[in-house]
PDB file of N, CA and C in Angstrom:
ATOM      1  N   UNK A   1      42.924  -8.890  41.769  1.00  0.00           N
ATOM      2  CA  UNK A   1      43.036  -7.458  42.023  1.00  0.00           C
ATOM      3  C   UNK A   1      41.741  -6.765  41.604  1.00  0.00           C
ATOM      4  N   UNK A   2      41.475  -5.670  42.242  1.00  0.00           N
ATOM      5  CA  UNK A   2      40.264  -4.910  41.935  1.00  0.00           C
ATOM      6  C   UNK A   2      40.592  -3.750  40.993  1.00  0.00           C
ATOM      7  N   UNK A   3      39.543  -3.129  40.469  1.00  0.00           N
ATOM      8  CA  UNK A   3      39.740  -1.991  39.559  1.00  0.00           C
ATOM      9  C   UNK A   3      40.507  -0.871  40.242  1.00  0.00           C
ATOM     10  N   UNK A   4      40.231  -0.651  41.521  1.00  0.00           N
ATOM     11  CA  UNK A   4      40.902   0.409  42.280  1.00  0.00           C
ATOM     12  C   UNK A   4      42.410   0.177  42.325  1.00  0.00           C
ATOM     13  N   UNK A   5      42.811  -1.043  42.657  1.00  0.00           N
ATOM     14  CA  UNK A   5      44.237  -1.347  42.789  1.00  0.00           C
ATOM     15  C   UNK A   5      44.941  -1.325  41.435  1.00  0.00           C
ATOM     16  N   UNK A   6      44.310  -1.857  40.394  1.00  0.00           N
ATOM     17  CA  UNK A   6      44.927  -1.863  39.068  1.00  0.00           C
ATOM     18  C   UNK A   6      45.096  -0.440  38.549  1.00  0.00           C
ATOM     19  N   UNK A   7      44.073   0.385  38.718  1.00  0.00           N
ATOM     20  CA  UNK A   7      44.136   1.770  38.255  1.00  0.00           C
ATOM     21  C   UNK A   7      45.276   2.519  38.924  1.00  0.00           C
ATOM     22  N   UNK A   8      45.400   2.391  40.219  1.00  0.00           N
ATOM     23  CA  UNK A   8      46.475   3.081  40.933  1.00  0.00           C
ATOM     24  C   UNK A   8      47.845   2.516  40.603  1.00  0.00           C
ATOM     25  N   UNK A   9      47.929   1.206  40.391  1.00  0.00           N
ATOM     26  CA  UNK A   9      49.196   0.599  39.990  1.00  0.00           C
ATOM     27  C   UNK A   9      49.649   1.135  38.637  1.00  0.00           C
ATOM     28  N   UNK A  10      48.737   1.165  37.674  1.00  0.00           N
ATOM     29  CA  UNK A  10      49.075   1.645  36.331  1.00  0.00           C
ATOM     30  C   UNK A  10      49.441   3.128  36.368  1.00  0.00           C
ATOM     31  N   UNK A  11      48.701   3.926  37.118  1.00  0.00           N
ATOM     32  CA  UNK A  11      49.010   5.355  37.226  1.00  0.00           C
ATOM     33  C   UNK A  11      50.397   5.552  37.835  1.00  0.00           C
ATOM     34  N   UNK A  12      50.697   4.847  38.895  1.00  0.00           N
ATOM     35  CA  UNK A  12      52.015   4.958  39.517  1.00  0.00           C
ATOM     36  C   UNK A  12      53.129   4.508  38.586  1.00  0.00           C
ATOM     37  N   UNK A  13      52.903   3.423  37.864  1.00  0.00           N
ATOM     38  CA  UNK A  13      53.890   2.930  36.911  1.00  0.00           C
ATOM     39  C   UNK A  13      54.143   3.965  35.814  1.00  0.00           C
ATOM     40  N   UNK A  14      53.065   4.538  35.259  1.00  0.00           N
ATOM     41  CA  UNK A  14      53.213   5.544  34.207  1.00  0.00           C
ATOM     42  C   UNK A  14      53.941   6.788  34.701  1.00  0.00           C
ATOM     43  N   UNK A  15      53.658   7.201  35.918  1.00  0.00           N
ATOM     44  CA  UNK A  15      54.342   8.375  36.471  1.00  0.00           C
ATOM     45  C   UNK A  15      55.827   8.106  36.610  1.00  0.00           C
ATOM     46  N   UNK A  16      56.195   6.975  37.198  1.00  0.00           N
ATOM     47  CA  UNK A  16      57.612   6.658  37.378  1.00  0.00           C
ATOM     48  C   UNK A  16      58.328   6.476  36.037  1.00  0.00           C
ATOM     49  N   UNK A  17      57.669   5.818  35.085  1.00  0.00           N
ATOM     50  CA  UNK A  17      58.268   5.620  33.769  1.00  0.00           C
ATOM     51  C   UNK A  17      58.469   6.944  33.048  1.00  0.00           C
ATOM     52  N   UNK A  18      57.452   7.802  33.073  1.00  0.00           N
ATOM     53  CA  UNK A  18      57.586   9.077  32.369  1.00  0.00           C
ATOM     54  C   UNK A  18      58.615   9.987  33.035  1.00  0.00           C
ATOM     55  N   UNK A  19      58.754   9.900  34.352  1.00  0.00           N
ATOM     56  CA  UNK A  19      59.826  10.647  35.018  1.00  0.00           C
ATOM     57  C   UNK A  19      61.190  10.129  34.597  1.00  0.00           C
ATOM     58  N   UNK A  20      61.336   8.805  34.530  1.00  0.00           N
ATOM     59  CA  UNK A  20      62.613   8.226  34.111  1.00  0.00           C
ATOM     60  C   UNK A  20      62.953   8.616  32.674  1.00  0.00           C
ATOM     61  N   UNK A  21      61.936   8.710  31.823  1.00  0.00           N
ATOM     62  CA  UNK A  21      62.175   9.076  30.423  1.00  0.00           C
ATOM     63  C   UNK A  21      62.351  10.576  30.236  1.00  0.00           C
ATOM     64  N   UNK A  22      61.915  11.393  31.220  1.00  0.00           N
ATOM     65  CA  UNK A  22      61.915  12.835  31.038  1.00  0.00           C
ATOM     66  C   UNK A  22      62.950  13.614  31.821  1.00  0.00           C
ATOM     67  N   UNK A  23      63.624  12.968  32.774  1.00  0.00           N
ATOM     68  CA  UNK A  23      64.622  13.675  33.577  1.00  0.00           C
ATOM     69  C   UNK A  23      66.013  13.380  33.027  1.00  0.00           C
ATOM     70  N   UNK A  24      66.772  14.429  32.757  1.00  0.00           N
ATOM     71  CA  UNK A  24      68.056  14.290  32.074  1.00  0.00           C
ATOM     72  C   UNK A  24      69.067  13.415  32.805  1.00  0.00           C
ATOM     73  N   UNK A  25      69.010  13.321  34.103  1.00  0.00           N
ATOM     74  CA  UNK A  25      69.963  12.501  34.843  1.00  0.00           C
ATOM     75  C   UNK A  25      69.669  11.016  34.783  1.00  0.00           C
ATOM     76  N   UNK A  26      68.539  10.652  34.223  1.00  0.00           N
ATOM     77  CA  UNK A  26      68.129   9.251  34.165  1.00  0.00           C
ATOM     78  C   UNK A  26      68.922   8.491  33.097  1.00  0.00           C
ATOM     79  N   UNK A  27      69.255   7.222  33.368  1.00  0.00           N
ATOM     80  CA  UNK A  27      69.972   6.431  32.356  1.00  0.00           C
ATOM     81  C   UNK A  27      69.129   6.110  31.120  1.00  0.00           C
ATOM     82  N   UNK A  28      67.808   6.261  31.215  1.00  0.00           N
ATOM     83  CA  UNK A  28      66.960   5.985  30.041  1.00  0.00           C
ATOM     84  C   UNK A  28      66.288   7.262  29.531  1.00  0.00           C
ATOM     85  N   UNK A  29      66.931   8.410  29.781  1.00  0.00           N
ATOM     86  CA  UNK A  29      66.390   9.706  29.340  1.00  0.00           C
ATOM     87  C   UNK A  29      66.159   9.707  27.835  1.00  0.00           C
ATOM     88  N   UNK A  30      64.995  10.226  27.420  1.00  0.00           N
ATOM     89  CA  UNK A  30      64.659  10.361  26.009  1.00  0.00           C
ATOM     90  C   UNK A  30      64.441  11.835  25.660  1.00  0.00           C
ATOM     91  N   UNK A  31      63.509  12.467  26.369  1.00  0.00           N
ATOM     92  CA  UNK A  31      63.161  13.850  26.082  1.00  0.00           C
ATOM     93  C   UNK A  31      62.457  14.453  27.298  1.00  0.00           C
ATOM     94  N   UNK A  32      62.667  15.742  27.547  1.00  0.00           N
ATOM     95  CA  UNK A  32      61.941  16.365  28.664  1.00  0.00           C
ATOM     96  C   UNK A  32      60.435  16.443  28.416  1.00  0.00           C
ATOM     97  N   UNK A  33      60.013  16.240  27.185  1.00  0.00           N
ATOM     98  CA  UNK A  33      58.581  16.258  26.883  1.00  0.00           C
ATOM     99  C   UNK A  33      57.832  15.108  27.558  1.00  0.00           C
ATOM    100  N   UNK A  34      58.528  14.091  28.015  1.00  0.00           N
ATOM    101  CA  UNK A  34      57.875  13.007  28.749  1.00  0.00           C
ATOM    102  C   UNK A  34      57.282  13.504  30.059  1.00  0.00           C
ATOM    103  N   UNK A  35      57.784  14.621  30.565  1.00  0.00           N
ATOM    104  CA  UNK A  35      57.226  15.184  31.802  1.00  0.00           C
ATOM    105  C   UNK A  35      55.794  15.673  31.595  1.00  0.00           C
ATOM    106  N   UNK A  36      55.428  15.993  30.361  1.00  0.00           N
ATOM    107  CA  UNK A  36      54.039  16.366  30.063  1.00  0.00           C
ATOM    108  C   UNK A  36      53.114  15.171  30.311  1.00  0.00           C
ATOM    109  N   UNK A  37      53.590  13.965  30.044  1.00  0.00           N
ATOM    110  CA  UNK A  37      52.784  12.762  30.309  1.00  0.00           C
ATOM    111  C   UNK A  37      52.595  12.575  31.806  1.00  0.00           C
ATOM    112  N   UNK A  38      53.633  12.899  32.590  1.00  0.00           N
ATOM    113  CA  UNK A  38      53.513  12.856  34.042  1.00  0.00           C
ATOM    114  C   UNK A  38      52.400  13.797  34.498  1.00  0.00           C
ATOM    115  N   UNK A  39      52.379  15.002  33.960  1.00  0.00           N
ATOM    116  CA  UNK A  39      51.338  15.973  34.308  1.00  0.00           C
ATOM    117  C   UNK A  39      49.956  15.473  33.877  1.00  0.00           C
ATOM    118  N   UNK A  40      49.859  14.842  32.715  1.00  0.00           N
ATOM    119  CA  UNK A  40      48.593  14.305  32.223  1.00  0.00           C
ATOM    120  C   UNK A  40      48.041  13.252  33.181  1.00  0.00           C
ATOM    121  N   UNK A  41      48.888  12.342  33.625  1.00  0.00           N
ATOM    122  CA  UNK A  41      48.447  11.301  34.555  1.00  0.00           C
ATOM    123  C   UNK A  41      48.014  11.942  35.878  1.00  0.00           C
ATOM    124  N   UNK A  42      48.789  12.906  36.359  1.00  0.00           N
ATOM    125  CA  UNK A  42      48.427  13.592  37.596  1.00  0.00           C
ATOM    126  C   UNK A  42      47.100  14.322  37.487  1.00  0.00           C
ATOM    127  N   UNK A  43      46.864  14.983  36.362  1.00  0.00           N
ATOM    128  CA  UNK A  43      45.583  15.667  36.158  1.00  0.00           C
ATOM    129  C   UNK A  43      44.418  14.685  36.112  1.00  0.00           C
ATOM    130  N   UNK A  44      44.633  13.530  35.498  1.00  0.00           N
ATOM    131  CA  UNK A  44      43.576  12.521  35.464  1.00  0.00           C
ATOM    132  C   UNK A  44      43.273  11.983  36.855  1.00  0.00           C
ATOM    133  N   UNK A  45      44.304  11.805  37.684  1.00  0.00           N
ATOM    134  CA  UNK A  45      44.069  11.371  39.060  1.00  0.00           C
ATOM    135  C   UNK A  45      43.285  12.427  39.842  1.00  0.00           C
ATOM    136  N   UNK A  46      43.651  13.687  39.646  1.00  0.00           N
ATOM    137  CA  UNK A  46      42.943  14.782  40.307  1.00  0.00           C
ATOM    138  C   UNK A  46      41.486  14.840  39.851  1.00  0.00           C
ATOM    139  N   UNK A  47      41.272  14.748  38.544  1.00  0.00           N
ATOM    140  CA  UNK A  47      39.913  14.784  37.996  1.00  0.00           C
ATOM    141  C   UNK A  47      39.077  13.630  38.540  1.00  0.00           C
ATOM    142  N   UNK A  48      39.645  12.424  38.601  1.00  0.00           N
ATOM    143  CA  UNK A  48      38.861  11.279  39.069  1.00  0.00           C
ATOM    144  C   UNK A  48      38.531  11.393  40.555  1.00  0.00           C
ATOM    145  N   UNK A  49      39.404  12.041  41.320  1.00  0.00           N
ATOM    146  CA  UNK A  49      39.109  12.216  42.748  1.00  0.00           C
ATOM    147  C   UNK A  49      37.986  13.225  42.964  1.00  0.00           C
ATOM    148  N   UNK A  50      37.864  14.198  42.085  1.00  0.00           N
ATOM    149  CA  UNK A  50      36.829  15.219  42.232  1.00  0.00           C
ATOM    150  C   UNK A  50      35.483  14.797  41.649  1.00  0.00           C
ATOM    151  N   UNK A  51      35.503  14.040  40.559  1.00  0.00           N
ATOM    152  CA  UNK A  51      34.261  13.683  39.878  1.00  0.00           C
ATOM    153  C   UNK A  51      33.787  12.262  40.163  1.00  0.00           C
ATOM    154  N   UNK A  52      34.636  11.453  40.800  1.00  0.00           N
ATOM    155  CA  UNK A  52      34.329  10.046  41.061  1.00  0.00           C
ATOM    156  C   UNK A  52      34.092   9.255  39.768  1.00  0.00           C
ATOM    157  N   UNK A  53      34.719   9.682  38.671  1.00  0.00           N
ATOM    158  CA  UNK A  53      34.608   8.986  37.393  1.00  0.00           C
ATOM    159  C   UNK A  53      36.001   8.734  36.839  1.00  0.00           C
ATOM    160  N   UNK A  54      36.261   7.498  36.442  1.00  0.00           N
ATOM    161  CA  UNK A  54      37.560   7.128  35.902  1.00  0.00           C
ATOM    162  C   UNK A  54      37.345   6.209  34.709  1.00  0.00           C
ATOM    163  N   UNK A  55      37.816   6.630  33.544  1.00  0.00           N
ATOM    164  CA  UNK A  55      37.640   5.841  32.324  1.00  0.00           C
ATOM    165  C   UNK A  55      38.290   4.474  32.456  1.00  0.00           C
ATOM    166  N   UNK A  56      39.493   4.412  32.993  1.00  0.00           N
ATOM    167  CA  UNK A  56      40.182   3.126  33.107  1.00  0.00           C
ATOM    168  C   UNK A  56      39.416   2.162  34.008  1.00  0.00           C
ATOM    169  N   UNK A  57      38.880   2.648  35.108  1.00  0.00           N
ATOM    170  CA  UNK A  57      38.098   1.787  35.999  1.00  0.00           C
ATOM    171  C   UNK A  57      36.863   1.258  35.277  1.00  0.00           C
ATOM    172  N   UNK A  58      36.221   2.101  34.490  1.00  0.00           N
ATOM    173  CA  UNK A  58      35.047   1.652  33.728  1.00  0.00           C
ATOM    174  C   UNK A  58      35.426   0.588  32.706  1.00  0.00           C
ATOM    175  N   UNK A  59      36.547   0.782  32.024  1.00  0.00           N
ATOM    176  CA  UNK A  59      37.002  -0.211  31.043  1.00  0.00           C
ATOM    177  C   UNK A  59      37.351  -1.537  31.725  1.00  0.00           C
ATOM    178  N   UNK A  60      37.999  -1.458  32.873  1.00  0.00           N
ATOM    179  CA  UNK A  60      38.349  -2.682  33.598  1.00  0.00           C
ATOM    180  C   UNK A  60      37.097  -3.431  34.049  1.00  0.00           C
ATOM    181  N   UNK A  61      36.060  -2.709  34.470  1.00  0.00           N
ATOM    182  CA  UNK A  61      34.796  -3.345  34.863  1.00  0.00           C
ATOM    183  C   UNK A  61      34.187  -4.079  33.685  1.00  0.00           C
ATOM    184  N   UNK A  62      34.233  -3.460  32.498  1.00  0.00           N
ATOM    185  CA  UNK A  62      33.681  -4.109  31.301  1.00  0.00           C
ATOM    186  C   UNK A  62      34.480  -5.342  30.908  1.00  0.00           C
ATOM    187  N   UNK A  63      35.770  -5.359  31.277  1.00  0.00           N
ATOM    188  CA  UNK A  63      36.611  -6.523  30.999  1.00  0.00           C
ATOM    189  C   UNK A  63      36.441  -7.617  32.042  1.00  0.00           C
ATOM    190  N   UNK A  64      35.609  -7.365  33.059  1.00  0.00           N
ATOM    191  CA  UNK A  64      35.296  -8.383  34.049  1.00  0.00           C
ATOM    192  C   UNK A  64      36.115  -8.331  35.315  1.00  0.00           C
ATOM    193  N   UNK A  65      36.888  -7.264  35.513  1.00  0.00           N
ATOM    194  CA  UNK A  65      37.659  -7.127  36.745  1.00  0.00           C
ATOM    195  C   UNK A  65      36.715  -6.739  37.866  1.00  0.00           C
ATOM    196  N   UNK A  66      36.951  -7.321  39.041  1.00  0.00           N
ATOM    197  CA  UNK A  66      36.096  -7.055  40.194  1.00  0.00           C
ATOM    198  C   UNK A  66      36.199  -5.586  40.609  1.00  0.00           C
ATOM    199  N   UNK A  67      35.063  -4.878  40.678  1.00  0.00           N
ATOM    200  CA  UNK A  67      35.109  -3.478  41.115  1.00  0.00           C
ATOM    201  C   UNK A  67      35.333  -3.377  42.615  1.00  0.00           C
ATOM    202  N   UNK A  68      35.769  -2.220  43.057  1.00  0.00           N
ATOM    203  CA  UNK A  68      35.910  -1.966  44.476  1.00  0.00           C
ATOM    204  C   UNK A  68      37.316  -1.638  44.895  1.00  0.00           C
ATOM    205  N   UNK A  69      37.484  -1.524  46.217  1.00  0.00           N
ATOM    206  CA  UNK A  69      38.774  -1.130  46.803  1.00  0.00           C
ATOM    207  C   UNK A  69      39.674  -2.319  47.015  1.00  0.00           C
TER     208      UNK A  69
END
């Protein structure tokens, strides 16, 4: 997998997990404050699309993951 695919996979996983933990109808509901984490991930995706810079992608490159799409 490339940095692009791993980054998007992790972002999607975090969004779905934080929604499951933050929505009261969910069987694994913990607190509505988990929705703030959903917003944080969304803001990071927005920021990376505008600036073309992503910390996670840079870290994955340093760990030897193949860069690219």
